[in-house]
Amino acid sequence: MIEAVSETKNQIAISVDQASQASSLSKPFLRNEIRAGKLRVVRPGNSRRVLIMMSDFMDYLRGEISEK
């Protein structure tokens, strides 16, 4: 179950840890996908915190995110 979901600009966002728990993908794998540009993230304000928009994560899981 996903807890402490953040809301960014009226959209739901989850942490890398929450995405890992929800999908059974490892945190290092997800971080590598983020570095490779395959999974988009947002950094609210000047925060170092990385959040994944739920819509982007669902697209990623369905294979609908194209590489840039």
C-alpha atoms as a PDB file:
ATOM      1  CA  MET A   1       0.000   0.000   0.000  1.00  0.00           C
ATOM      2  CA  ILE A   2       1.297   3.466  -0.859  1.00  0.00           C
ATOM      3  CA  GLU A   3       1.428   5.878   2.043  1.00  0.00           C
ATOM      4  CA  ALA A   4       2.273   9.570   2.282  1.00  0.00           C
ATOM      5  CA  VAL A   5       1.560  10.338  -1.336  1.00  0.00           C
ATOM      6  CA  SER A   6       2.458  13.925  -2.266  1.00  0.00           C
ATOM      7  CA  GLU A   7       0.331  16.209  -4.374  1.00  0.00           C
ATOM      8  CA  THR A   8       2.214  18.432  -6.822  1.00  0.00           C
ATOM      9  CA  LYS A   9       0.249  20.943  -8.910  1.00  0.00           C
ATOM     10  CA  ASN A  10      -2.949  18.937  -8.329  1.00  0.00           C
ATOM     11  CA  GLN A  11      -1.335  15.720  -9.536  1.00  0.00           C
ATOM     12  CA  ILE A  12      -0.332  12.774  -7.378  1.00  0.00           C
ATOM     13  CA  ALA A  13       3.381  12.074  -7.012  1.00  0.00           C
ATOM     14  CA  ILE A  14       5.209   9.246  -5.252  1.00  0.00           C
ATOM     15  CA  SER A  15       8.761   8.782  -4.034  1.00  0.00           C
ATOM     16  CA  VAL A  16      11.228   6.327  -5.556  1.00  0.00           C
ATOM     17  CA  ASP A  17      10.775   4.155  -2.464  1.00  0.00           C
ATOM     18  CA  GLN A  18       6.993   4.126  -2.903  1.00  0.00           C
ATOM     19  CA  ALA A  19       7.327   3.363  -6.625  1.00  0.00           C
ATOM     20  CA  SER A  20       9.632   0.473  -5.770  1.00  0.00           C
ATOM     21  CA  GLN A  21       7.181  -0.962  -3.252  1.00  0.00           C
ATOM     22  CA  ALA A  22       4.214  -0.558  -5.581  1.00  0.00           C
ATOM     23  CA  SER A  23       5.897  -2.188  -8.572  1.00  0.00           C
ATOM     24  CA  SER A  24       8.426  -4.618  -7.077  1.00  0.00           C
ATOM     25  CA  LEU A  25      11.142  -2.867  -9.126  1.00  0.00           C
ATOM     26  CA  SER A  26      14.238  -2.163  -7.048  1.00  0.00           C
ATOM     27  CA  LYS A  27      15.152   1.365  -5.971  1.00  0.00           C
ATOM     28  CA  PRO A  28      18.568   1.152  -7.711  1.00  0.00           C
ATOM     29  CA  PHE A  29      16.873   0.038 -10.940  1.00  0.00           C
ATOM     30  CA  LEU A  30      14.415   2.928 -10.781  1.00  0.00           C
ATOM     31  CA  ARG A  31      17.218   5.409 -10.063  1.00  0.00           C
ATOM     32  CA  ASN A  32      19.124   4.107 -13.097  1.00  0.00           C
ATOM     33  CA  GLU A  33      16.002   4.513 -15.246  1.00  0.00           C
ATOM     34  CA  ILE A  34      15.682   8.092 -13.962  1.00  0.00           C
ATOM     35  CA  ARG A  35      19.350   8.842 -14.767  1.00  0.00           C
ATOM     36  CA  ALA A  36      18.904   7.330 -18.231  1.00  0.00           C
ATOM     37  CA  GLY A  37      15.917   9.619 -18.862  1.00  0.00           C
ATOM     38  CA  LYS A  38      13.477   6.733 -19.183  1.00  0.00           C
ATOM     39  CA  LEU A  39      11.456   7.745 -16.128  1.00  0.00           C
ATOM     40  CA  ARG A  40      10.591  11.401 -15.574  1.00  0.00           C
ATOM     41  CA  VAL A  41      10.742  12.993 -12.140  1.00  0.00           C
ATOM     42  CA  VAL A  42      10.002  16.328 -10.518  1.00  0.00           C
ATOM     43  CA  ARG A  43      11.900  18.120  -7.792  1.00  0.00           C
ATOM     44  CA  PRO A  44       9.502  20.321  -5.825  1.00  0.00           C
ATOM     45  CA  GLY A  45      10.908  23.801  -5.192  1.00  0.00           C
ATOM     46  CA  ASN A  46      14.607  23.787  -4.421  1.00  0.00           C
ATOM     47  CA  SER A  47      14.320  20.377  -2.796  1.00  0.00           C
ATOM     48  CA  ARG A  48      16.716  17.516  -3.378  1.00  0.00           C
ATOM     49  CA  ARG A  49      13.725  15.214  -3.032  1.00  0.00           C
ATOM     50  CA  VAL A  50      12.796  13.360  -6.187  1.00  0.00           C
ATOM     51  CA  LEU A  51       9.149  12.589  -6.898  1.00  0.00           C
ATOM     52  CA  ILE A  52       7.619  10.595  -9.720  1.00  0.00           C
ATOM     53  CA  MET A  53       4.289  11.771 -11.047  1.00  0.00           C
ATOM     54  CA  MET A  54       1.836   8.891 -10.819  1.00  0.00           C
ATOM     55  CA  SER A  55       0.698   9.441 -14.416  1.00  0.00           C
ATOM     56  CA  ASP A  56       4.325   9.271 -15.638  1.00  0.00           C
ATOM     57  CA  PHE A  57       4.954   6.148 -13.565  1.00  0.00           C
ATOM     58  CA  MET A  58       1.884   4.410 -14.968  1.00  0.00           C
ATOM     59  CA  ASP A  59       2.956   5.366 -18.509  1.00  0.00           C
ATOM     60  CA  TYR A  60       6.443   4.022 -17.767  1.00  0.00           C
ATOM     61  CA  LEU A  61       5.029   0.726 -16.505  1.00  0.00           C
ATOM     62  CA  ARG A  62       2.915   0.428 -19.656  1.00  0.00           C
ATOM     63  CA  GLY A  63       5.978   1.183 -21.787  1.00  0.00           C
ATOM     64  CA  GLU A  64       4.529   4.422 -23.138  1.00  0.00           C
ATOM     65  CA  ILE A  65       7.385   6.767 -22.184  1.00  0.00           C
ATOM     66  CA  SER A  66       9.629   7.451 -25.136  1.00  0.00           C
ATOM     67  CA  GLU A  67      13.329   8.102 -24.731  1.00  0.00           C
ATOM     68  CA  LYS A  68      14.479  11.651 -25.260  1.00  0.00           C
END
